[in-house]
N, C-alpha and C. Protein backbone atom coordinates (compact mmCIF):
# COMPACT_ATOMS: atom_id res chain seq x y z
N MET A 1 4.71 95.30 -42.68
CA MET A 1 4.89 94.21 -43.04
C MET A 1 3.75 93.84 -44.08
N PHE A 2 2.35 93.22 -43.74
CA PHE A 2 1.37 92.69 -44.56
C PHE A 2 0.73 94.44 -45.42
N THR A 3 0.94 95.33 -43.95
CA THR A 3 0.52 96.69 -45.28
C THR A 3 1.55 96.57 -46.59
N PHE A 4 2.78 96.61 -46.53
CA PHE A 4 3.00 96.52 -47.73
C PHE A 4 2.48 95.69 -49.30
N LEU A 5 2.43 94.45 -48.68
CA LEU A 5 1.53 93.48 -49.70
C LEU A 5 -0.07 93.67 -49.88
N ALA A 6 -0.22 94.45 -49.30
CA ALA A 6 -1.71 95.07 -49.40
C ALA A 6 -1.74 96.14 -50.36
N GLU A 7 -0.80 97.14 -50.08
CA GLU A 7 -0.81 98.53 -51.05
C GLU A 7 -0.50 98.04 -52.81
N GLU A 8 0.21 96.88 -52.88
CA GLU A 8 0.90 96.66 -54.30
C GLU A 8 -0.19 96.21 -54.41
N GLY A 9 -1.09 95.75 -54.20
CA GLY A 9 -2.69 94.94 -54.39
C GLY A 9 -2.46 93.42 -55.05
N GLN A 10 -1.83 92.75 -53.87
CA GLN A 10 -1.50 91.47 -54.16
C GLN A 10 -1.84 90.86 -53.26
N GLN A 11 -2.37 89.98 -52.93
CA GLN A 11 -3.47 89.23 -52.07
C GLN A 11 -2.39 88.74 -50.97
N ASN A 12 -2.36 88.62 -49.93
CA ASN A 12 -2.15 87.86 -48.35
C ASN A 12 -1.89 86.27 -49.00
N PRO A 13 -0.71 85.28 -48.99
CA PRO A 13 -0.83 84.00 -49.46
C PRO A 13 -1.10 83.10 -48.49
N LEU A 14 -1.21 83.58 -47.56
CA LEU A 14 -1.76 82.96 -45.78
C LEU A 14 -3.30 82.79 -46.23
N ILE A 15 -3.83 83.56 -46.60
CA ILE A 15 -5.60 83.96 -46.38
C ILE A 15 -5.85 83.58 -47.95
N PRO A 16 -6.87 82.48 -47.83
CA PRO A 16 -7.23 82.09 -48.89
C PRO A 16 -8.70 83.08 -49.80
N ASP A 17 -9.10 82.44 -51.21
CA ASP A 17 -10.01 83.64 -51.70
C ASP A 17 -11.36 82.66 -51.00
N THR A 18 -11.98 83.52 -51.10
CA THR A 18 -13.87 83.38 -50.16
C THR A 18 -14.06 82.44 -51.48
N ALA A 19 -13.96 82.38 -52.80
CA ALA A 19 -14.46 81.60 -53.07
C ALA A 19 -13.85 79.94 -53.51
N GLU A 20 -12.41 80.07 -53.11
CA GLU A 20 -11.92 78.43 -53.19
C GLU A 20 -12.13 78.30 -51.57
N LEU A 21 -12.46 78.73 -50.56
CA LEU A 21 -12.53 78.65 -49.45
C LEU A 21 -13.85 77.35 -49.36
N ILE A 22 -14.89 78.46 -50.00
CA ILE A 22 -16.12 77.70 -49.78
C ILE A 22 -15.80 76.66 -50.84
N VAL A 23 -15.57 76.64 -52.06
CA VAL A 23 -15.63 74.94 -52.69
C VAL A 23 -14.49 74.44 -51.97
N GLY A 24 -13.62 74.20 -51.23
CA GLY A 24 -12.71 73.84 -50.77
C GLY A 24 -13.03 72.52 -49.68
N LEU A 25 -13.80 73.84 -48.52
CA LEU A 25 -14.93 73.35 -47.65
C LEU A 25 -15.73 72.36 -47.69
N LEU A 26 -16.89 72.76 -48.67
CA LEU A 26 -17.84 71.99 -49.71
C LEU A 26 -17.49 70.59 -49.99
N CYS A 27 -15.97 70.17 -50.32
CA CYS A 27 -15.25 69.35 -50.94
C CYS A 27 -15.45 68.46 -49.77
N PHE A 28 -14.01 68.78 -49.48
CA PHE A 28 -14.06 68.53 -47.94
C PHE A 28 -15.02 67.82 -46.88
N PHE A 29 -16.71 68.53 -47.37
CA PHE A 29 -17.49 68.10 -46.23
C PHE A 29 -18.09 67.08 -46.99
N ILE A 30 -18.35 66.71 -48.18
CA ILE A 30 -18.48 66.10 -49.10
C ILE A 30 -17.91 64.76 -49.60
N VAL A 31 -16.30 65.18 -49.04
CA VAL A 31 -16.17 63.89 -49.13
C VAL A 31 -15.65 62.86 -47.71
N PHE A 32 -16.02 63.97 -46.64
CA PHE A 32 -16.35 63.16 -45.18
C PHE A 32 -17.19 62.57 -45.00
N GLY A 33 -18.00 63.82 -46.01
CA GLY A 33 -19.99 62.53 -45.94
C GLY A 33 -19.21 61.47 -46.89
N ILE A 34 -19.07 61.05 -47.86
CA ILE A 34 -18.48 59.66 -48.33
C ILE A 34 -18.07 58.94 -47.24
N LEU A 35 -17.03 58.95 -47.48
CA LEU A 35 -16.48 58.66 -46.10
C LEU A 35 -17.03 57.66 -44.95
N GLY A 36 -17.69 59.18 -44.43
CA GLY A 36 -18.27 58.97 -43.67
C GLY A 36 -19.38 57.59 -43.52
N LYS A 37 -20.04 57.98 -44.74
CA LYS A 37 -21.46 56.97 -44.93
C LYS A 37 -20.95 55.68 -45.27
N LYS A 38 -19.66 55.60 -46.36
CA LYS A 38 -19.34 53.88 -47.10
C LYS A 38 -18.08 53.43 -46.10
N LEU A 39 -16.83 54.36 -45.87
CA LEU A 39 -16.07 53.49 -45.16
C LEU A 39 -16.16 53.50 -43.48
N LEU A 40 -16.91 54.47 -42.96
CA LEU A 40 -16.89 54.46 -41.66
C LEU A 40 -17.66 53.03 -41.32
N PRO A 41 -18.52 53.22 -41.72
CA PRO A 41 -19.50 51.53 -41.57
C PRO A 41 -18.52 50.44 -41.45
N ASN A 42 -17.50 49.86 -42.83
CA ASN A 42 -17.03 49.30 -43.16
C ASN A 42 -15.49 49.13 -42.15
N ILE A 43 -15.40 50.49 -41.35
CA ILE A 43 -14.29 50.32 -40.60
C ILE A 43 -14.79 50.03 -38.95
N GLN A 44 -16.00 50.17 -39.03
CA GLN A 44 -16.48 50.21 -37.33
C GLN A 44 -16.89 48.42 -37.93
N LYS A 45 -17.21 48.04 -38.43
CA LYS A 45 -17.57 46.69 -38.73
C LYS A 45 -16.92 45.37 -38.70
N THR A 46 -15.37 46.24 -39.51
CA THR A 46 -13.99 45.52 -38.85
C THR A 46 -13.50 45.52 -37.52
N LEU A 47 -13.54 46.53 -37.06
CA LEU A 47 -13.14 46.86 -35.80
C LEU A 47 -13.76 45.85 -34.54
N ALA A 48 -15.10 46.06 -35.05
CA ALA A 48 -16.33 45.41 -33.93
C ALA A 48 -15.90 43.86 -34.08
N GLU A 49 -15.37 43.30 -35.30
CA GLU A 49 -15.39 41.91 -35.66
C GLU A 49 -13.86 41.52 -34.70
N ARG A 50 -12.28 42.52 -34.87
CA ARG A 50 -11.33 42.34 -34.51
C ARG A 50 -11.92 42.38 -32.78
N HIS A 51 -12.52 43.45 -32.50
CA HIS A 51 -13.06 43.47 -30.71
C HIS A 51 -13.81 42.00 -30.34
N ASP A 52 -14.78 41.62 -31.28
CA ASP A 52 -15.30 40.48 -30.78
C ASP A 52 -14.34 39.04 -31.30
N ALA A 53 -13.53 38.90 -31.78
CA ALA A 53 -11.86 38.11 -32.25
C ALA A 53 -11.87 38.25 -30.70
N ILE A 54 -11.07 39.49 -30.42
CA ILE A 54 -10.32 39.26 -29.14
C ILE A 54 -10.74 38.97 -28.09
N GLU A 55 -11.93 39.52 -27.96
CA GLU A 55 -13.26 39.46 -26.63
C GLU A 55 -13.18 38.12 -26.73
N GLY A 56 -14.00 37.46 -28.00
CA GLY A 56 -13.87 35.92 -27.86
C GLY A 56 -12.79 35.32 -27.80
N GLY A 57 -11.77 35.56 -27.69
CA GLY A 57 -10.66 34.58 -28.07
C GLY A 57 -9.80 34.76 -26.30
N LEU A 58 -10.43 35.66 -26.08
CA LEU A 58 -10.22 36.14 -24.20
C LEU A 58 -11.07 34.74 -23.89
N GLU A 59 -12.28 35.30 -23.82
CA GLU A 59 -13.21 33.94 -23.09
C GLU A 59 -13.15 32.79 -23.68
N ARG A 60 -12.32 32.51 -24.88
CA ARG A 60 -12.34 31.08 -24.97
C ARG A 60 -11.19 30.75 -24.35
N ALA A 61 -9.68 31.71 -24.20
CA ALA A 61 -9.30 31.55 -22.94
C ALA A 61 -9.31 31.62 -21.68
N GLU A 62 -10.34 31.95 -21.23
CA GLU A 62 -10.54 32.15 -19.61
C GLU A 62 -11.30 30.68 -19.67
N LYS A 63 -12.30 30.26 -20.70
CA LYS A 63 -12.97 29.11 -19.95
C LYS A 63 -12.12 27.92 -20.16
N ALA A 64 -11.05 28.27 -21.25
CA ALA A 64 -10.33 26.90 -21.41
C ALA A 64 -9.58 27.10 -19.84
N GLN A 65 -9.17 28.07 -20.15
CA GLN A 65 -8.25 28.15 -18.16
C GLN A 65 -9.00 27.52 -17.13
N ALA A 66 -10.22 27.78 -17.18
CA ALA A 66 -11.63 27.20 -16.14
C ALA A 66 -11.69 25.79 -16.17
N ASP A 67 -11.34 25.55 -17.73
CA ASP A 67 -11.91 24.06 -17.78
C ASP A 67 -10.29 23.37 -17.28
N ALA A 68 -9.84 23.92 -17.37
CA ALA A 68 -8.02 22.96 -17.32
C ALA A 68 -8.15 23.24 -15.72
N ASN A 69 -8.63 23.91 -15.11
CA ASN A 69 -8.53 24.31 -13.29
C ASN A 69 -9.46 23.24 -12.93
N ARG A 70 -10.52 23.17 -13.87
CA ARG A 70 -11.72 22.19 -12.89
C ARG A 70 -10.67 21.02 -13.29
N THR A 71 -9.76 20.39 -14.26
CA THR A 71 -9.82 18.94 -14.73
C THR A 71 -8.50 18.95 -14.03
N LEU A 72 -7.94 19.78 -13.87
CA LEU A 72 -6.91 19.53 -12.99
C LEU A 72 -7.36 19.41 -11.56
N GLU A 73 -8.16 20.00 -10.68
CA GLU A 73 -8.91 19.82 -9.47
C GLU A 73 -9.32 18.65 -9.45
N GLU A 74 -10.11 18.07 -10.11
CA GLU A 74 -10.45 16.96 -10.22
C GLU A 74 -9.59 15.90 -10.85
N TYR A 75 -8.24 15.74 -11.15
CA TYR A 75 -7.03 15.01 -11.43
C TYR A 75 -6.84 15.00 -10.01
N LYS A 76 -6.22 16.19 -9.34
CA LYS A 76 -5.75 16.26 -7.83
C LYS A 76 -6.97 15.34 -6.96
N ALA A 77 -8.42 15.52 -7.36
CA ALA A 77 -8.73 14.67 -6.36
C ALA A 77 -8.99 13.28 -6.29
N GLN A 78 -8.90 12.95 -7.76
CA GLN A 78 -8.71 11.36 -8.18
C GLN A 78 -7.25 10.90 -7.64
N LEU A 79 -6.46 11.81 -7.71
CA LEU A 79 -5.14 11.04 -7.38
C LEU A 79 -5.09 11.02 -6.00
N ALA A 80 -5.95 12.13 -5.12
CA ALA A 80 -5.59 11.67 -3.77
C ALA A 80 -6.40 10.44 -3.15
N GLU A 81 -7.92 10.21 -3.91
CA GLU A 81 -8.45 9.27 -3.51
C GLU A 81 -7.35 8.31 -3.90
N ALA A 82 -6.76 8.15 -5.24
CA ALA A 82 -6.08 6.67 -5.51
C ALA A 82 -4.78 6.58 -4.16
N ARG A 83 -4.52 7.93 -3.90
CA ARG A 83 -3.56 7.50 -2.62
C ARG A 83 -4.08 6.72 -1.51
N HIS A 84 -5.25 7.83 -1.39
CA HIS A 84 -5.96 6.74 -0.24
C HIS A 84 -6.20 5.09 -0.35
N GLU A 85 -6.81 5.04 -1.10
CA GLU A 85 -7.26 4.50 -1.98
C GLU A 85 -5.70 2.96 -1.53
N ALA A 86 -4.61 3.37 -2.16
CA ALA A 86 -3.43 2.22 -2.36
C ALA A 86 -3.11 2.32 -0.96
N ALA A 87 -3.73 3.44 0.14
CA ALA A 87 -3.04 3.67 1.50
C ALA A 87 -3.67 2.43 2.32
N ARG A 88 -4.97 2.58 1.82
CA ARG A 88 -5.92 1.42 2.51
C ARG A 88 -5.34 -0.12 1.92
N ILE A 89 -5.22 -0.11 0.59
CA ILE A 89 -5.12 -1.76 0.27
C ILE A 89 -4.07 -1.96 0.78
N THR A 90 -3.08 -1.51 1.40
CA THR A 90 -1.91 -1.25 1.87
C THR A 90 -1.81 -1.78 3.23
N GLU A 91 -2.68 -1.34 3.88
CA GLU A 91 -2.64 -1.16 5.49
C GLU A 91 -3.74 -2.69 5.49
N GLN A 92 -4.53 -2.90 4.67
CA GLN A 92 -5.10 -3.97 4.94
C GLN A 92 -4.37 -5.47 4.25
N ALA A 93 -3.47 -5.35 3.67
CA ALA A 93 -2.80 -5.85 3.24
C ALA A 93 -1.41 -6.30 4.32
N ARG A 94 -0.83 -5.83 5.39
CA ARG A 94 -0.64 -5.56 5.98
C ARG A 94 -1.27 -6.39 7.41
N GLU A 95 -2.21 -6.05 7.58
CA GLU A 95 -3.18 -6.53 8.49
C GLU A 95 -3.48 -8.14 8.61
N GLN A 96 -4.02 -8.49 6.85
CA GLN A 96 -3.78 -9.78 6.86
C GLN A 96 -2.36 -10.54 6.70
N GLY A 97 -1.27 -10.34 6.20
CA GLY A 97 -0.24 -10.68 6.58
C GLY A 97 0.11 -11.37 7.97
N ALA A 98 -0.14 -10.35 8.82
CA ALA A 98 0.30 -10.08 10.07
C ALA A 98 -0.57 -11.19 10.67
N GLN A 99 -2.04 -10.89 10.45
CA GLN A 99 -3.31 -12.39 10.39
C GLN A 99 -2.98 -13.70 10.17
N ILE A 100 -2.54 -14.12 9.02
CA ILE A 100 -1.76 -15.01 8.25
C ILE A 100 -0.58 -15.59 9.02
N ILE A 101 -0.15 -14.85 9.68
CA ILE A 101 1.45 -14.97 10.20
C ILE A 101 1.09 -15.41 11.32
N ALA A 102 0.15 -14.65 12.30
CA ALA A 102 0.02 -15.43 13.43
C ALA A 102 -0.81 -16.74 12.94
N GLU A 103 -1.89 -16.57 12.57
CA GLU A 103 -2.35 -17.79 12.11
C GLU A 103 -1.14 -19.21 11.89
N MET A 104 -0.70 -18.53 11.06
CA MET A 104 0.53 -20.06 10.90
C MET A 104 1.41 -20.33 11.90
N ARG A 105 1.66 -19.51 12.77
CA ARG A 105 2.68 -19.55 13.96
C ARG A 105 1.46 -20.36 14.89
N GLU A 106 0.51 -19.95 15.04
CA GLU A 106 -0.56 -20.24 16.05
C GLU A 106 -0.66 -22.01 15.36
N GLU A 107 -0.84 -22.42 14.39
CA GLU A 107 -1.02 -23.61 13.41
C GLU A 107 0.32 -24.28 13.66
N GLY A 108 1.06 -23.93 13.58
CA GLY A 108 3.00 -24.56 13.35
C GLY A 108 3.33 -24.91 15.06
N SER A 109 2.58 -23.70 15.70
CA SER A 109 2.74 -24.20 17.86
C SER A 109 1.67 -25.52 17.87
N ARG A 110 0.38 -25.35 17.16
CA ARG A 110 -0.58 -26.75 17.76
C ARG A 110 0.48 -27.80 17.36
N GLN A 111 0.70 -28.09 15.53
CA GLN A 111 1.53 -28.97 15.19
C GLN A 111 2.67 -29.28 15.80
N ARG A 112 3.19 -28.40 16.62
CA ARG A 112 4.61 -29.09 17.51
C ARG A 112 4.29 -29.43 18.66
N ASP A 113 2.86 -29.00 19.35
CA ASP A 113 2.54 -29.82 20.24
C ASP A 113 1.84 -31.22 20.04
N ALA A 114 1.44 -30.59 18.80
CA ALA A 114 0.86 -31.98 18.99
C ALA A 114 1.48 -33.25 18.04
N ILE A 115 3.17 -33.07 17.71
CA ILE A 115 4.20 -34.38 17.44
C ILE A 115 4.94 -34.69 18.25
N ILE A 116 4.94 -33.01 19.47
CA ILE A 116 5.68 -33.62 20.89
C ILE A 116 5.00 -34.41 21.92
N ALA A 117 3.52 -34.15 21.82
CA ALA A 117 2.23 -34.89 22.20
C ALA A 117 2.40 -36.19 21.97
N ALA A 118 2.58 -36.86 20.48
CA ALA A 118 2.58 -37.82 19.90
C ALA A 118 4.04 -38.49 20.52
N GLY A 119 5.02 -37.85 20.57
CA GLY A 119 6.64 -38.48 20.44
C GLY A 119 6.20 -38.80 22.08
N HIS A 120 6.03 -37.79 23.03
CA HIS A 120 6.07 -38.31 24.41
C HIS A 120 5.12 -39.74 24.54
N ALA A 121 4.49 -39.77 23.96
CA ALA A 121 3.19 -40.97 24.18
C ALA A 121 3.73 -42.41 23.13
N GLN A 122 4.75 -41.98 22.30
CA GLN A 122 6.00 -43.21 21.51
C GLN A 122 6.39 -43.43 22.83
N ILE A 123 6.95 -42.54 22.85
CA ILE A 123 7.77 -42.78 24.08
C ILE A 123 7.56 -43.40 25.70
N GLU A 124 6.42 -43.24 26.01
CA GLU A 124 6.09 -43.90 26.78
C GLU A 124 5.80 -45.63 26.74
N ALA A 125 5.09 -45.52 25.36
CA ALA A 125 4.70 -46.98 24.89
C ALA A 125 6.07 -47.60 24.75
N ASP A 126 6.98 -47.04 24.27
CA ASP A 126 8.25 -48.01 23.94
C ASP A 126 8.90 -47.96 25.42
N ARG A 127 8.82 -47.82 26.20
CA ARG A 127 9.12 -47.72 27.37
C ARG A 127 8.53 -48.48 28.08
N ARG A 128 7.11 -48.88 28.30
CA ARG A 128 6.86 -49.81 28.58
C ARG A 128 6.56 -51.15 28.14
N GLN A 129 6.82 -50.91 26.84
CA GLN A 129 7.26 -52.16 26.11
C GLN A 129 8.71 -53.10 26.25
N VAL A 130 9.69 -52.00 26.64
CA VAL A 130 11.08 -52.44 26.46
C VAL A 130 11.30 -52.86 28.08
N THR A 131 10.37 -52.20 29.27
CA THR A 131 9.78 -52.74 30.49
C THR A 131 9.81 -54.03 30.47
N VAL A 132 8.63 -54.44 29.81
CA VAL A 132 8.34 -55.79 30.13
C VAL A 132 8.82 -56.75 29.19
N SER A 133 9.42 -56.03 28.15
CA SER A 133 10.38 -57.05 27.45
C SER A 133 11.44 -57.14 28.43
N LEU A 134 12.25 -56.25 28.94
CA LEU A 134 13.35 -56.28 29.77
C LEU A 134 12.66 -57.44 30.79
N ARG A 135 11.48 -57.38 31.86
CA ARG A 135 11.46 -58.01 32.86
C ARG A 135 11.37 -59.21 32.06
N GLN A 136 10.82 -59.88 31.69
CA GLN A 136 10.75 -60.93 30.56
C GLN A 136 12.27 -61.60 30.48
N GLU A 137 12.52 -60.57 30.32
CA GLU A 137 14.72 -61.31 29.93
C GLU A 137 15.03 -61.41 31.41
N VAL A 138 14.91 -60.35 32.44
CA VAL A 138 15.42 -60.45 32.98
C VAL A 138 15.07 -61.86 34.19
N GLY A 139 13.88 -61.47 34.14
CA GLY A 139 12.98 -62.84 34.85
C GLY A 139 13.39 -64.14 34.29
N LYS A 140 14.35 -64.29 33.10
CA LYS A 140 14.23 -65.53 32.23
C LYS A 140 15.65 -66.35 32.39
N ILE A 141 16.63 -64.95 32.47
CA ILE A 141 17.77 -65.08 33.17
C ILE A 141 17.86 -65.17 34.90
N ALA A 142 17.36 -64.66 35.57
CA ALA A 142 17.13 -64.95 36.85
C ALA A 142 16.32 -65.85 36.93
N THR A 143 15.84 -66.63 36.81
CA THR A 143 15.31 -67.84 36.42
C THR A 143 16.27 -68.66 36.55
N ASP A 144 16.92 -68.47 35.44
CA ASP A 144 18.39 -69.78 34.90
C ASP A 144 18.93 -69.57 35.94
N LEU A 145 19.49 -68.55 36.57
CA LEU A 145 20.45 -68.83 37.44
C LEU A 145 20.25 -69.07 39.01
N ALA A 146 19.07 -68.79 39.05
CA ALA A 146 18.42 -69.21 40.25
C ALA A 146 18.42 -70.85 40.72
N GLY A 147 18.07 -71.45 39.07
CA GLY A 147 17.75 -72.76 38.90
C GLY A 147 19.01 -73.53 39.09
N ARG A 148 20.60 -73.05 38.76
CA ARG A 148 21.60 -73.16 38.72
C ARG A 148 22.32 -72.97 40.08
N VAL A 149 21.27 -72.46 40.56
CA VAL A 149 22.21 -72.14 42.09
C VAL A 149 21.67 -72.93 42.89
N VAL A 150 20.24 -72.85 42.49
CA VAL A 150 19.61 -74.17 43.89
C VAL A 150 19.73 -75.45 43.27
N GLY A 151 20.20 -75.93 42.03
CA GLY A 151 19.84 -76.90 41.69
C GLY A 151 18.83 -77.58 41.27
N GLU A 152 17.73 -76.95 41.12
CA GLU A 152 16.49 -77.69 40.14
C GLU A 152 16.15 -76.35 39.46
N SER A 153 15.15 -77.54 38.99
CA SER A 153 14.53 -76.18 37.76
C SER A 153 13.44 -75.51 38.18
N LEU A 154 13.40 -74.45 37.61
CA LEU A 154 12.57 -73.30 38.28
C LEU A 154 11.68 -73.21 37.18
N GLU A 155 10.19 -73.82 36.81
CA GLU A 155 10.29 -73.88 35.20
C GLU A 155 8.53 -73.66 35.43
N ASP A 156 8.00 -73.78 36.62
CA ASP A 156 6.72 -73.24 37.31
C ASP A 156 6.88 -71.35 36.99
N SER A 157 5.48 -71.39 35.94
CA SER A 157 5.88 -70.21 35.55
C SER A 157 5.00 -69.58 36.34
N ALA A 158 3.97 -69.46 37.61
CA ALA A 158 3.67 -68.78 38.63
C ALA A 158 4.97 -68.69 39.38
N ARG A 159 5.60 -69.22 40.15
CA ARG A 159 6.64 -69.41 40.25
C ARG A 159 7.73 -68.24 40.09
N GLN A 160 8.06 -68.68 39.00
CA GLN A 160 9.18 -68.13 38.05
C GLN A 160 8.86 -66.20 37.93
N SER A 161 6.98 -66.25 38.08
CA SER A 161 6.55 -64.81 37.83
C SER A 161 6.63 -64.26 39.37
N ARG A 162 6.59 -64.93 40.26
CA ARG A 162 6.70 -64.21 41.99
C ARG A 162 7.96 -64.05 41.85
N VAL A 163 9.07 -64.96 41.82
CA VAL A 163 10.30 -64.95 42.21
C VAL A 163 10.97 -63.44 41.17
N VAL A 164 10.80 -63.35 40.41
CA VAL A 164 10.86 -62.50 39.12
C VAL A 164 10.87 -60.71 39.44
N ASP A 165 9.43 -60.79 40.06
CA ASP A 165 8.79 -59.59 40.51
C ASP A 165 9.02 -58.70 41.89
N ARG A 166 9.56 -60.10 42.82
CA ARG A 166 10.00 -59.68 43.90
C ARG A 166 11.49 -58.98 43.54
N PHE A 167 12.65 -60.12 43.15
CA PHE A 167 13.52 -59.78 42.51
C PHE A 167 13.59 -58.00 41.72
N LEU A 168 12.83 -57.88 40.93
CA LEU A 168 12.90 -56.81 39.86
C LEU A 168 12.01 -55.54 41.13
N ASP A 169 11.43 -55.40 42.04
CA ASP A 169 10.83 -54.80 42.91
C ASP A 169 12.28 -54.66 43.91
N SER A 170 12.92 -55.03 44.38
CA SER A 170 13.80 -55.39 45.29
C SER A 170 14.69 -54.63 44.53
N LEU A 171 15.16 -54.63 43.19
CA LEU A 171 16.15 -53.34 42.24
C LEU A 171 15.75 -51.86 42.26
N GLU A 172 14.34 -51.92 42.35
CA GLU A 172 13.84 -50.89 41.64
C GLU A 172 13.49 -49.82 43.13
N GLN A 173 13.60 -50.51 44.57
CA GLN A 173 13.69 -49.91 45.62
C GLN A 173 15.12 -49.73 45.87
N SER A 174 16.08 -50.23 45.84
CA SER A 174 17.46 -50.23 46.14
C SER A 174 17.79 -48.83 44.70
N ALA A 175 17.20 -49.10 43.78
CA ALA A 175 17.93 -47.89 42.40
C ALA A 175 17.12 -46.53 42.95
N ALA A 176 15.60 -46.47 43.78
CA ALA A 176 15.03 -45.56 44.37
C ALA A 176 15.90 -44.83 45.81
N GLY A 177 16.30 -45.74 46.34
CA GLY A 177 16.86 -44.95 47.70
C GLY A 177 18.41 -44.44 47.25
N ASN A 178 18.96 -44.70 46.17
CA ASN A 178 20.43 -44.62 45.87
C ASN A 178 20.31 -43.52 45.13
N GLY A 179 19.35 -43.02 44.13
CA GLY A 179 18.85 -42.06 43.67
C GLY A 179 18.17 -40.82 45.08
N ALA A 180 17.57 -40.78 45.76
CA ALA A 180 17.49 -40.41 46.82
C ALA A 180 18.35 -39.59 47.39
N GLU A 181 19.33 -40.39 48.00
CA GLU A 181 20.88 -40.44 49.04
C GLU A 181 21.56 -39.33 47.72
N ALA A 182 21.78 -39.83 46.55
CA ALA A 182 22.23 -38.85 45.90
C ALA A 182 21.83 -37.49 45.65
N GLY A 183 20.45 -37.16 45.72
CA GLY A 183 20.23 -35.81 45.01
C GLY A 183 20.67 -35.27 46.78
N ALA A 184 19.99 -36.15 48.09
CA ALA A 184 20.48 -35.05 49.27
C ALA A 184 21.76 -35.05 49.61
N ALA A 185 22.57 -35.47 48.77
CA ALA A 185 24.56 -35.39 48.80
C ALA A 185 24.69 -34.04 47.96
N ARG A 186 23.66 -33.65 47.23
CA ARG A 186 24.22 -32.97 46.14
C ARG A 186 23.37 -31.24 46.98
């Protein structure tokens, strides 16, 4: 088939003419040189800028992430410290509350004991006063009664006092004897 075209004097369309091939290659290398000298540096510069922007962005993102992680750790540490401090303050408040309650109970107990002691002292003083008053009243009644029975006046105070004391002593002895018998019967 190729031989048929060559015999007729026609050139093969797939094989270019040598002059055209040289001119074409020369133009190609000129255009390639111009593109390499002018366009390639701009392309490389743009690629480098993009690379730096991307790498810088990644580095900034990593730095921001590291800063965020560091801040998070600081926050967690501060939070843990604050919780620890709150627990310590709460425990201290509980201890102080328990101490205050114990002090108040102790103070209340002291006041109660003082009030009870004062009450006992007042009761004892009142009992003595009533006893003295009762002795005088009983003595006077007994003297008047004895004076009516005897028929003479027992106005002498020393005699009156001795009579009253004997009478009251005998009453106390009989009351004490009855109390002991009642206790033994139980």
